[in-house]
Amino acid sequence: MNPASTSLVTQFVSSPVLAGLYDWLSLHPDHGGDLIGWAVGRLVLILVIVNVTLVMAALLVWAERRVSAWMQDRLGPNRVGPQGLLQPLADLGKFIFKEDFDPGHVNRWMYLIAPLIALVPALITFAVIPYTGVYEPDAQVEGGWAWNSWAVADVNIGVLYILAITSLAVYGLALGGWSSNSKYSLLGGVRASAQMISYELSLGLAVVSVVLISSSLHLGDIVAYQANTTWFVFQQPLAFFIFLVAAYAETNRLPFDLPEAESELVAGYHTEYSAMKFAAFFLAEYVNMFVGSALVVTLFCGGWTFFGLETAGWLAALAIFAVKTLFFCFVFIWVRWTLPRFRYDQLMRLGWSWFIPVALANVVLTATAIALDRTWVAWILPGVLVLGGLLAAWIAPGHVAVPRLAERTAPVSGEEGSR
């Protein structure tokens, strides 16, 4: 698509109102923008982003119930509002008017702030994710055109910010389980901390390969690199797969919902919570799900770009980003209602014995390919690692002596049976 082409969208974006809004949201005072306008614009933008994220979390609750009903050939919620769309509001009213009961045996202050510690990091993570942008003339770059991403906070270390903030969420779950003074809640908190720390390593290593190729920690630069070459899901499919699975584990979604395993822990770390405090934990999970999908889109699927369609204007770029993010939200729901829960030993073995070594090997070989200027190595590397893993999985069971079922269940006789 010709960047200089005009369209209805382009004409709409060039209107005086939206032009003023563009100045407020994009021009920093150091670059000729108005200080008051920039501050007011950022405040409005923050309020809009937070409210949109919370509304999306509520809609994801509705979508989860409707999609699971569709997959299981049933109806799901369809009474409150058209197609049940107002069901999240009914649930919110239920939580608000429920009795807010605090058990007498809890550590009260830790018990009260734990839901906030779980929810707030999920909301502020979105601050550095570029949700839209423009493809505009720039005489300082080769070709005369540049990708300008928009985010609430345009920081150069966006990747480090995300890894730092997402690691804080584990404190909310661990404190919620510990402060409840309940054995089941404590076990859920311990499981949550062990699981999230384990898969956080895999998630970070998967991002390292992206940073190596793009040579930047700035999320806008990562989006621009993919727009100029190709998406990282094609360049680094193994890193994409590890990041996606680690994101499921970080958000405690099936098949990694061991911290909330009802069949084992009676709901886990939030067993002693009720009313809006329980709703905050519940909301944090869906906000993390939305933010995790946005991160997958930004790091591996081109962000707000889509093969030239983004040049129609920032509204088109915003629509592209929203469609991609909602698709991965659907994948989250799809996986939950498709795969069964892992055993805890299987979950930890997958993280420590498979994902971390494979992700580390991916980083080392990608760095070697870049250093030797052999970029084709990065393209064939995922296939080699996957084939090696499948070969190891095929060979490994032959070295483990597993008794047959008849030997394990045979009755004991003779002298052993009389003891």
Protein backbone atom coordinates (compact mmCIF):
# COMPACT_ATOMS: atom_id res chain seq x y z
CA MET A 1 0.00 0.00 0.00
CA ASN A 2 1.32 3.47 -0.94
CA PRO A 3 2.00 5.44 2.27
CA ALA A 4 1.11 8.67 0.50
CA SER A 5 -2.29 7.42 -0.61
CA THR A 6 -5.35 9.18 0.74
CA SER A 7 -8.45 7.51 2.09
CA LEU A 8 -11.51 8.29 4.15
CA VAL A 9 -9.67 7.15 7.26
CA THR A 10 -6.73 9.44 6.48
CA GLN A 11 -9.04 12.41 5.94
CA PHE A 12 -10.83 11.65 9.20
CA VAL A 13 -7.54 11.51 11.10
CA SER A 14 -6.48 14.87 9.61
CA SER A 15 -9.56 16.64 11.02
CA PRO A 16 -8.81 19.54 13.43
CA VAL A 17 -10.17 17.75 16.51
CA LEU A 18 -8.15 14.59 15.99
CA ALA A 19 -5.12 16.62 14.95
CA GLY A 20 -5.25 18.39 18.31
CA LEU A 21 -5.70 15.07 20.07
CA TYR A 22 -2.69 13.72 18.19
CA ASP A 23 -0.59 16.66 19.41
CA TRP A 24 -1.68 16.12 23.00
CA LEU A 25 -0.93 12.40 22.96
CA SER A 26 2.26 12.27 20.92
CA LEU A 27 4.23 15.52 21.28
CA HIS A 28 6.36 15.64 24.40
CA PRO A 29 7.08 19.18 25.73
CA ASP A 30 10.77 18.66 24.93
CA HIS A 31 9.83 18.29 21.26
CA GLY A 32 7.69 21.39 20.88
CA GLY A 33 4.48 20.19 22.50
CA ASP A 34 2.38 22.12 25.00
CA LEU A 35 3.11 21.07 28.60
CA ILE A 36 -0.43 21.43 29.94
CA GLY A 37 -1.98 19.84 26.87
CA TRP A 38 0.48 16.95 27.04
CA ALA A 39 -0.18 16.36 30.74
CA VAL A 40 -3.97 16.50 30.31
CA GLY A 41 -3.77 14.25 27.28
CA ARG A 42 -1.68 11.68 29.16
CA LEU A 43 -4.06 11.71 32.11
CA VAL A 44 -7.05 11.17 29.82
CA LEU A 45 -5.15 8.44 27.99
CA ILE A 46 -4.30 6.63 31.24
CA LEU A 47 -7.93 6.73 32.37
CA VAL A 48 -9.10 5.44 28.99
CA ILE A 49 -6.53 2.62 28.90
CA VAL A 50 -7.30 1.48 32.46
CA ASN A 51 -11.04 1.50 31.90
CA VAL A 52 -10.77 -0.24 28.53
CA THR A 53 -8.58 -2.91 30.12
CA LEU A 54 -11.07 -3.48 32.95
CA VAL A 55 -13.99 -3.60 30.51
CA MET A 56 -12.09 -6.07 28.33
CA ALA A 57 -11.46 -8.25 31.39
CA ALA A 58 -15.20 -8.26 32.13
CA LEU A 59 -16.01 -9.10 28.52
CA LEU A 60 -13.46 -11.92 28.58
CA VAL A 61 -15.37 -13.45 31.49
CA TRP A 62 -18.48 -13.37 29.32
CA ALA A 63 -16.55 -14.66 26.30
CA GLU A 64 -15.08 -17.52 28.30
CA ARG A 65 -18.53 -18.70 29.38
CA ARG A 66 -19.99 -18.33 25.90
CA VAL A 67 -17.06 -19.95 24.07
CA SER A 68 -16.92 -22.86 26.51
CA ALA A 69 -20.67 -23.32 26.09
CA TRP A 70 -20.25 -23.31 22.31
CA MET A 71 -17.44 -25.87 22.51
CA GLN A 72 -19.53 -28.10 24.79
CA ASP A 73 -22.74 -27.73 22.74
CA ARG A 74 -24.71 -25.78 25.34
CA LEU A 75 -26.06 -22.24 25.62
CA GLY A 76 -24.18 -20.42 28.38
CA PRO A 77 -25.37 -17.09 29.83
CA ASN A 78 -28.02 -15.60 27.54
CA ARG A 79 -30.63 -14.01 29.80
CA VAL A 80 -29.12 -10.72 31.03
CA GLY A 81 -28.96 -8.39 28.04
CA PRO A 82 -28.63 -9.34 24.36
CA GLN A 83 -26.70 -12.63 24.09
CA GLY A 84 -25.98 -12.32 27.82
CA LEU A 85 -23.62 -9.35 27.30
CA LEU A 86 -24.74 -7.70 30.54
CA GLN A 87 -23.94 -10.78 32.61
CA PRO A 88 -20.62 -9.23 33.83
CA LEU A 89 -22.61 -6.29 35.26
CA ALA A 90 -24.89 -8.72 37.08
CA ASP A 91 -21.84 -10.52 38.47
CA LEU A 92 -20.37 -7.20 39.60
CA GLY A 93 -23.59 -6.33 41.42
CA LYS A 94 -23.52 -9.71 43.12
CA PHE A 95 -19.96 -9.17 44.34
CA ILE A 96 -20.72 -5.63 45.55
CA PHE A 97 -23.73 -6.67 47.64
CA LYS A 98 -22.21 -9.87 49.00
CA GLU A 99 -21.22 -9.87 52.64
CA ASP A 100 -17.58 -8.81 52.88
CA PHE A 101 -16.48 -11.27 55.57
CA ASP A 102 -12.95 -11.28 56.98
CA PRO A 103 -12.09 -14.45 58.93
CA GLY A 104 -10.78 -13.80 62.42
CA HIS A 105 -7.66 -15.90 61.99
CA VAL A 106 -6.14 -13.96 59.07
CA ASN A 107 -3.24 -11.49 59.10
CA ARG A 108 -5.54 -8.57 58.36
CA TRP A 109 -3.28 -6.02 56.62
CA MET A 110 -1.57 -8.54 54.38
CA TYR A 111 -4.93 -10.17 53.75
CA LEU A 112 -6.41 -6.86 52.55
CA ILE A 113 -3.57 -5.65 50.31
CA ALA A 114 -2.85 -9.01 48.61
CA PRO A 115 -5.65 -8.62 45.98
CA LEU A 116 -4.35 -5.14 45.11
CA ILE A 117 -0.80 -6.42 44.73
CA ALA A 118 -2.12 -9.00 42.27
CA LEU A 119 -4.28 -6.53 40.29
CA VAL A 120 -2.18 -3.34 40.06
CA PRO A 121 0.90 -4.86 38.28
CA ALA A 122 -1.44 -6.35 35.69
CA LEU A 123 -2.89 -2.90 34.94
CA ILE A 124 0.36 -0.91 34.83
CA THR A 125 2.10 -3.43 32.55
CA PHE A 126 0.06 -2.07 29.65
CA ALA A 127 1.73 1.34 30.06
CA VAL A 128 4.66 0.50 27.75
CA ILE A 129 2.84 -1.63 25.16
CA PRO A 130 2.43 0.26 21.84
CA TYR A 131 -1.26 -0.10 21.04
CA THR A 132 -1.20 1.90 17.80
CA GLY A 133 1.01 4.24 15.79
CA VAL A 134 1.57 5.98 12.48
CA TYR A 135 3.82 5.49 9.46
CA GLU A 136 5.00 9.03 8.84
CA PRO A 137 7.67 10.93 6.88
CA ASP A 138 11.03 11.27 8.63
CA ALA A 139 14.00 12.78 6.81
CA GLN A 140 16.47 11.39 9.36
CA VAL A 141 15.92 7.73 8.45
CA GLU A 142 16.76 5.83 5.29
CA GLY A 143 13.85 5.83 2.87
CA GLY A 144 12.27 8.94 4.39
CA TRP A 145 9.56 7.09 6.33
CA ALA A 146 9.55 5.85 9.94
CA TRP A 147 7.33 3.79 12.23
CA ASN A 148 6.16 5.86 15.21
CA SER A 149 4.53 3.72 17.90
CA TRP A 150 2.25 5.19 20.56
CA ALA A 151 2.23 4.05 24.17
CA VAL A 152 1.27 5.57 27.51
CA ALA A 153 4.93 5.58 28.56
CA ASP A 154 7.41 5.55 25.69
CA VAL A 155 10.47 4.20 27.51
CA ASN A 156 13.61 2.74 25.95
CA ILE A 157 13.68 -0.25 28.30
CA GLY A 158 10.13 -1.45 27.78
CA VAL A 159 11.11 -5.14 27.78
CA LEU A 160 12.91 -4.82 31.13
CA TYR A 161 9.96 -2.89 32.55
CA ILE A 162 7.56 -5.67 31.58
CA LEU A 163 9.74 -8.42 33.06
CA ALA A 164 10.14 -6.42 36.28
CA ILE A 165 6.47 -5.55 36.76
CA THR A 166 5.07 -8.96 35.86
CA SER A 167 7.32 -10.55 38.48
CA LEU A 168 5.53 -8.53 41.18
CA ALA A 169 2.22 -10.32 40.69
CA VAL A 170 3.53 -13.43 42.45
CA TYR A 171 3.69 -11.48 45.71
CA GLY A 172 -0.07 -10.93 45.68
CA LEU A 173 -0.80 -14.64 45.29
CA ALA A 174 1.82 -15.72 47.81
CA LEU A 175 0.72 -13.14 50.40
CA GLY A 176 -2.93 -14.02 49.84
CA GLY A 177 -2.20 -17.66 50.64
CA TRP A 178 0.12 -16.94 53.57
CA SER A 179 -2.00 -14.25 55.26
CA SER A 180 -5.13 -16.46 55.19
CA ASN A 181 -3.59 -18.80 57.80
CA SER A 182 -5.19 -21.77 56.04
CA LYS A 183 -3.32 -24.87 54.94
CA TYR A 184 -5.06 -25.02 51.56
CA SER A 185 -4.52 -21.31 50.89
CA LEU A 186 -0.86 -21.60 51.90
CA LEU A 187 -0.34 -24.55 49.56
CA GLY A 188 -1.94 -22.57 46.74
CA GLY A 189 0.33 -19.58 47.42
CA VAL A 190 3.45 -21.78 47.52
CA ARG A 191 2.43 -23.47 44.28
CA ALA A 192 1.79 -20.10 42.65
CA SER A 193 5.20 -18.72 43.65
CA ALA A 194 7.07 -21.84 42.52
CA GLN A 195 5.19 -22.01 39.21
CA MET A 196 5.45 -18.33 38.32
CA ILE A 197 9.15 -18.07 39.21
CA SER A 198 9.94 -21.22 37.21
CA TYR A 199 8.15 -20.17 34.03
CA GLU A 200 9.28 -16.57 34.34
CA LEU A 201 12.79 -17.77 33.51
CA SER A 202 11.57 -19.43 30.32
CA LEU A 203 9.55 -16.36 29.41
CA GLY A 204 12.54 -14.06 29.87
CA LEU A 205 14.85 -16.29 27.84
CA ALA A 206 12.29 -16.41 25.01
CA VAL A 207 12.30 -12.60 24.89
CA VAL A 208 16.11 -12.46 24.83
CA SER A 209 16.25 -13.93 21.32
CA VAL A 210 13.86 -11.20 20.11
CA VAL A 211 16.02 -8.51 21.72
CA LEU A 212 19.17 -9.97 20.14
CA ILE A 213 17.75 -9.84 16.62
CA SER A 214 16.07 -6.42 16.92
CA SER A 215 19.01 -4.94 18.92
CA SER A 216 16.63 -2.95 21.09
CA LEU A 217 14.69 -3.12 24.35
CA HIS A 218 12.19 -0.57 23.04
CA LEU A 219 8.90 -2.20 22.12
CA GLY A 220 8.27 0.34 19.38
CA ASP A 221 11.60 -0.56 17.77
CA ILE A 222 10.70 -4.25 17.96
CA VAL A 223 7.42 -3.54 16.15
CA ALA A 224 9.25 -1.45 13.53
CA TYR A 225 11.82 -4.21 12.95
CA GLN A 226 9.05 -6.72 12.28
CA ALA A 227 7.31 -4.28 9.94
CA ASN A 228 10.52 -3.85 7.92
CA THR A 229 11.38 -7.58 7.81
CA THR A 230 8.91 -10.21 8.98
CA TRP A 231 7.19 -11.19 12.20
CA PHE A 232 9.23 -12.91 14.89
CA VAL A 233 6.71 -15.74 15.00
CA PHE A 234 8.31 -16.80 11.68
CA GLN A 235 11.90 -15.92 12.60
CA GLN A 236 11.74 -17.39 16.12
CA PRO A 237 8.85 -19.90 16.23
CA LEU A 238 10.40 -21.82 19.11
CA ALA A 239 10.75 -18.66 21.23
CA PHE A 240 7.15 -17.79 20.33
CA PHE A 241 5.89 -21.20 21.49
CA ILE A 242 7.86 -21.05 24.76
CA PHE A 243 6.68 -17.49 25.44
CA LEU A 244 3.05 -18.39 24.77
CA VAL A 245 3.10 -21.45 27.04
CA ALA A 246 4.97 -19.54 29.75
CA ALA A 247 2.30 -16.82 29.51
CA TYR A 248 -0.34 -19.46 30.27
CA ALA A 249 1.65 -20.52 33.33
CA GLU A 250 2.17 -16.91 34.46
CA THR A 251 -1.57 -16.23 34.32
CA ASN A 252 -2.47 -19.52 36.09
CA ARG A 253 -4.59 -20.63 33.16
CA LEU A 254 -5.32 -24.24 32.32
CA PRO A 255 -3.45 -26.51 31.93
CA PHE A 256 -1.32 -24.59 34.48
CA ASP A 257 -3.94 -23.74 37.10
CA LEU A 258 -2.34 -25.76 39.92
CA PRO A 259 -2.53 -22.79 42.37
CA GLU A 260 -6.33 -22.92 42.02
CA ALA A 261 -6.87 -26.68 41.68
CA GLU A 262 -10.32 -27.10 43.24
CA SER A 263 -10.04 -30.89 43.33
CA GLU A 264 -6.92 -30.62 45.50
CA LEU A 265 -6.93 -27.27 47.31
CA VAL A 266 -10.59 -26.15 47.52
CA ALA A 267 -9.75 -23.13 45.26
CA GLY A 268 -6.20 -22.49 46.49
CA TYR A 269 -4.75 -19.14 47.54
CA HIS A 270 -8.10 -17.27 47.48
CA THR A 271 -10.08 -19.84 49.49
CA GLU A 272 -10.63 -17.43 52.42
CA TYR A 273 -11.61 -14.46 50.24
CA SER A 274 -15.13 -13.27 49.47
CA ALA A 275 -17.03 -10.42 47.81
CA MET A 276 -14.92 -7.75 46.05
CA LYS A 277 -11.59 -9.02 47.39
CA PHE A 278 -12.18 -12.34 45.63
CA ALA A 279 -13.38 -10.41 42.56
CA ALA A 280 -10.06 -8.51 42.51
CA PHE A 281 -8.12 -11.80 42.28
CA PHE A 282 -10.53 -13.01 39.61
CA LEU A 283 -10.22 -9.74 37.68
CA ALA A 284 -6.41 -9.82 37.90
CA GLU A 285 -6.36 -13.17 36.10
CA TYR A 286 -8.36 -11.85 33.16
CA VAL A 287 -6.44 -8.57 33.00
CA ASN A 288 -3.22 -10.62 32.88
CA MET A 289 -4.76 -12.70 30.12
CA PHE A 290 -5.52 -9.56 28.07
CA VAL A 291 -2.09 -8.02 28.70
CA GLY A 292 -0.35 -11.33 27.94
CA SER A 293 -2.14 -11.51 24.60
CA ALA A 294 -1.09 -7.92 23.83
CA LEU A 295 2.53 -8.82 24.64
CA VAL A 296 2.47 -11.84 22.33
CA VAL A 297 1.14 -9.62 19.55
CA THR A 298 3.77 -6.92 20.16
CA LEU A 299 6.81 -9.17 20.49
CA PHE A 300 6.06 -11.86 17.91
CA CYS A 301 3.16 -10.85 15.63
CA GLY A 302 4.03 -7.41 14.36
CA GLY A 303 2.16 -5.32 16.93
CA TRP A 304 -0.12 -2.76 15.30
CA THR A 305 1.21 -3.44 11.78
CA PHE A 306 -0.30 -5.78 9.20
CA PHE A 307 1.38 -5.84 5.77
CA GLY A 308 0.68 -2.21 4.88
CA LEU A 309 -2.88 -1.79 6.19
CA GLU A 310 -1.58 0.27 9.12
CA THR A 311 -0.62 3.10 6.73
CA ALA A 312 -4.32 4.04 6.50
CA GLY A 313 -4.00 5.81 9.86
CA TRP A 314 -3.73 5.29 13.58
CA LEU A 315 -7.36 4.16 13.85
CA ALA A 316 -6.68 1.34 11.39
CA ALA A 317 -3.52 0.43 13.33
CA LEU A 318 -5.52 0.38 16.56
CA ALA A 319 -8.10 -1.92 14.97
CA ILE A 320 -5.32 -4.25 13.76
CA PHE A 321 -3.82 -4.43 17.24
CA ALA A 322 -7.24 -5.07 18.82
CA VAL A 323 -8.11 -7.89 16.40
CA LYS A 324 -4.76 -9.63 16.95
CA THR A 325 -5.05 -9.30 20.73
CA LEU A 326 -8.61 -10.64 20.81
CA PHE A 327 -7.53 -13.61 18.69
CA PHE A 328 -4.92 -14.62 21.26
CA CYS A 329 -7.47 -14.08 24.04
CA PHE A 330 -9.63 -16.61 22.20
CA VAL A 331 -6.64 -18.97 22.06
CA PHE A 332 -6.31 -18.65 25.85
CA ILE A 333 -9.95 -19.71 26.23
CA TRP A 334 -9.64 -22.42 23.59
CA VAL A 335 -6.65 -24.03 25.33
CA ARG A 336 -8.40 -23.95 28.71
CA TRP A 337 -11.34 -25.99 27.48
CA THR A 338 -9.21 -28.38 25.41
CA LEU A 339 -6.29 -29.56 27.55
CA PRO A 340 -6.45 -31.27 30.97
CA ARG A 341 -4.52 -30.07 34.00
CA PHE A 342 -0.93 -31.22 34.51
CA ARG A 343 0.22 -32.97 37.64
CA TYR A 344 2.46 -30.70 39.68
CA ASP A 345 5.58 -32.79 39.05
CA GLN A 346 4.84 -32.73 35.31
CA LEU A 347 4.41 -28.95 35.40
CA MET A 348 7.74 -28.36 37.15
CA ARG A 349 9.57 -30.90 34.99
CA LEU A 350 8.30 -29.21 31.83
CA GLY A 351 9.54 -25.85 33.03
CA TRP A 352 12.95 -26.80 34.43
CA SER A 353 13.94 -29.84 32.33
CA TRP A 354 12.58 -28.78 28.95
CA PHE A 355 11.67 -25.13 28.52
CA ILE A 356 14.66 -23.52 30.25
CA PRO A 357 17.36 -25.65 28.51
CA VAL A 358 15.69 -25.35 25.10
CA ALA A 359 15.15 -21.59 25.48
CA LEU A 360 18.77 -21.16 26.59
CA ALA A 361 20.02 -23.19 23.63
CA ASN A 362 17.87 -21.04 21.36
CA VAL A 363 19.46 -17.88 22.77
CA VAL A 364 23.02 -19.21 22.42
CA LEU A 365 22.57 -20.40 18.84
CA THR A 366 20.73 -17.23 17.82
CA ALA A 367 23.55 -15.10 19.25
CA THR A 368 26.10 -17.27 17.44
CA ALA A 369 24.22 -16.89 14.16
CA ILE A 370 24.16 -13.10 14.56
CA ALA A 371 27.86 -12.94 15.49
CA LEU A 372 28.85 -15.02 12.45
CA ASP A 373 26.38 -13.17 10.20
CA ARG A 374 24.66 -16.44 9.37
CA THR A 375 21.05 -15.43 9.83
CA TRP A 376 19.80 -18.59 8.12
CA VAL A 377 20.86 -20.54 11.23
CA ALA A 378 18.09 -18.84 13.21
CA TRP A 379 15.54 -20.03 10.67
CA ILE A 380 16.48 -23.73 10.80
CA LEU A 381 17.32 -23.70 14.52
CA PRO A 382 13.74 -24.26 15.79
CA GLY A 383 13.33 -27.38 13.66
CA VAL A 384 16.64 -28.81 14.88
CA LEU A 385 15.77 -28.19 18.54
CA VAL A 386 12.26 -29.61 18.19
CA LEU A 387 13.54 -32.74 16.45
CA GLY A 388 16.21 -33.14 19.13
CA GLY A 389 13.61 -32.82 21.87
CA LEU A 390 11.33 -35.38 20.23
CA LEU A 391 14.28 -37.76 19.83
CA ALA A 392 15.21 -37.36 23.51
CA ALA A 393 11.60 -37.92 24.56
CA TRP A 394 11.49 -41.08 22.43
CA ILE A 395 14.78 -42.46 23.81
CA ALA A 396 14.32 -41.52 27.48
CA PRO A 397 11.48 -43.95 28.38
CA GLY A 398 13.65 -46.90 27.34
CA HIS A 399 15.99 -46.24 30.28
CA VAL A 400 13.26 -46.15 32.92
CA ALA A 401 12.20 -49.50 34.32
CA VAL A 402 8.43 -49.34 34.81
CA PRO A 403 6.84 -52.48 36.32
CA ARG A 404 3.96 -53.96 34.43
CA LEU A 405 0.46 -53.57 35.78
CA ALA A 406 0.19 -57.31 36.56
CA GLU A 407 3.42 -57.17 38.58
CA ARG A 408 2.21 -54.17 40.60
CA THR A 409 -1.18 -55.66 41.39
CA ALA A 410 -0.23 -59.32 41.85
CA PRO A 411 -1.09 -60.63 45.36
CA VAL A 412 1.84 -61.36 47.69
CA SER A 413 2.20 -65.02 48.55
CA GLY A 414 4.43 -67.36 50.58
CA GLU A 415 6.74 -66.10 53.25
CA GLU A 416 6.37 -62.42 52.20
CA GLY A 417 2.62 -62.63 52.49
CA SER A 418 2.78 -63.98 56.07
CA ARG A 419 4.87 -61.07 57.33
